Protein backbone atom coordinates (compact mmCIF):
# COMPACT_ATOMS: atom_id res chain seq x y z
CA MET A 1 0.00 0.00 0.00
CA ARG A 2 1.30 3.44 -0.95
CA SER A 3 1.97 6.09 1.65
CA LYS A 4 2.31 9.88 1.40
CA ARG A 5 5.84 9.41 2.76
CA ASP A 6 6.83 7.32 -0.30
CA GLN A 7 7.43 10.54 -2.24
CA GLN A 8 9.69 12.04 0.42
CA GLY A 9 13.43 12.47 0.20
CA GLU A 10 15.84 13.40 2.95
CA LEU A 11 18.10 16.34 3.66
CA LEU A 12 21.14 15.75 5.86
CA ILE A 13 23.54 18.54 6.82
CA ASP A 14 26.40 17.12 8.87
CA HIS A 15 28.85 19.52 10.50
CA THR A 16 30.04 16.98 13.07
CA PHE A 17 33.67 17.51 12.11
CA SER A 18 33.50 20.97 10.54
CA PRO A 19 33.18 24.54 11.81
CA GLY A 20 29.61 24.83 10.48
CA ILE A 21 28.05 28.24 9.94
CA THR A 22 26.85 30.89 12.34
CA PRO A 23 23.55 32.79 12.18
CA GLU A 24 25.54 35.99 11.58
CA TRP A 25 27.35 34.49 8.58
CA ALA A 26 24.06 33.18 7.14
CA ALA A 27 22.41 36.60 7.50
CA ALA A 28 25.39 38.43 5.98
CA HIS A 29 25.46 36.13 2.94
CA GLY A 30 21.70 35.83 2.44
CA ALA A 31 21.67 32.11 3.14
CA THR A 32 18.21 30.65 3.69
CA GLY A 33 17.36 27.38 5.31
CA PRO A 34 18.62 25.71 8.43
CA VAL A 35 21.71 27.13 10.12
CA VAL A 36 23.84 24.25 11.38
CA GLY A 37 26.64 25.13 13.75
CA ALA A 38 29.92 23.41 14.57
CA GLY A 39 29.63 19.81 15.68
CA LYS A 40 25.90 19.58 14.85
CA LYS A 41 23.70 17.61 12.44
CA TYR A 42 20.40 18.54 10.82
CA GLU A 43 18.03 15.99 9.28
CA SER A 44 14.69 16.68 7.69
CA GLY A 45 12.33 15.35 5.07
CA LEU A 46 12.27 16.91 1.60
CA ILE A 47 9.50 16.87 -1.01
CA ASN A 48 9.11 18.24 -4.51
CA CYS A 49 6.06 20.36 -5.30
CA LYS A 50 4.29 18.74 -8.25
CA HIS A 51 2.77 22.05 -9.37
CA CYS A 52 5.77 24.41 -9.51
CA GLY A 53 8.70 21.99 -9.17
CA SER A 54 10.25 23.65 -6.12
CA ASP A 55 11.81 21.66 -3.30
CA VAL A 56 10.09 21.94 0.06
CA LEU A 57 11.86 21.32 3.35
CA LEU A 58 9.60 19.50 5.81
CA HIS A 59 10.21 21.41 9.02
CA PRO A 60 9.99 18.94 11.94
CA GLN A 61 8.21 21.40 14.27
CA ARG A 62 5.53 22.47 11.77
CA MET A 63 2.08 22.36 13.35
CA ARG A 64 -0.25 23.15 10.44
CA GLU A 65 -1.13 20.55 7.83
CA ARG A 66 0.77 20.31 4.54
CA GLU A 67 -1.00 21.18 1.30
CA TRP A 68 -2.09 18.10 -0.66
CA CYS A 69 -3.36 17.97 -4.24
CA TRP A 70 -5.94 15.23 -4.70
CA THR A 71 -5.64 15.46 -8.49
CA CYS A 72 -1.87 14.82 -8.47
CA ASP A 73 -2.07 12.66 -5.33
CA ALA A 74 0.99 14.50 -4.02
CA TYR A 75 2.15 17.21 -1.65
CA ILE A 76 2.41 20.74 -3.00
CA CYS A 77 4.11 23.83 -1.58
CA ASP A 78 2.26 26.44 0.48
CA ASN A 79 2.39 28.98 -2.38
CA CYS A 80 0.69 26.64 -4.85
CA GLY A 81 -1.80 25.61 -2.17
CA LEU A 82 -2.72 29.26 -1.62
CA LEU A 83 -3.11 29.90 -5.38
CA ARG A 84 -5.38 26.86 -5.63
CA LYS A 85 -7.55 28.10 -2.73
CA LEU A 86 -7.86 31.61 -4.21
CA GLY A 87 -9.79 30.17 -7.12
CA ASP A 88 -8.36 31.51 -10.39
CA TYR A 89 -6.12 28.46 -10.84
CA THR A 90 -5.66 26.01 -13.69
CA HIS A 91 -4.33 22.66 -12.52
CA LYS A 92 -1.09 21.82 -14.32
CA THR A 93 1.93 19.96 -13.03
CA ALA A 94 5.42 21.37 -13.43
CA ARG A 95 6.09 18.70 -16.06
CA GLN A 96 3.03 19.75 -18.10
CA GLN A 97 4.09 23.40 -17.92
CA MET A 98 7.62 22.56 -19.12
CA GLU A 99 6.24 20.46 -21.99
CA GLU A 100 4.01 23.37 -23.09
CA VAL A 101 6.97 25.77 -23.11
CA PHE A 102 9.11 23.25 -25.00
CA ASN A 103 6.38 22.69 -27.62
CA ARG A 104 5.91 26.46 -28.09
CA TYR A 105 9.65 26.81 -28.53
CA GLN A 106 9.78 24.01 -31.11
CA ARG A 107 6.91 25.53 -33.11
CA SER A 108 8.73 28.85 -33.32
CA PHE A 109 11.37 27.31 -35.60
């Protein structure tokens, strides 16, 4: 039987034997995501949004429910979930959108 977790990957940042990064360094360089200091590890789930193709980090302390597309039978990012709820939304996966762009490009030659 399939599970929602079947589509999940994993992110591992291991600074066990490295100096890691500090919050100050991350802020100064515009780094987003988890800040992992010296001697620490960070593990989290990772999914790919089927609508826009972006990678979504599954924050372990998140309390609200993840967005789920019943048409794709997959998780989607919060941005695509919000667009879908606002109404003016045409359901297309990232793959379908890329194929449309590719076909338009081919026709232009």
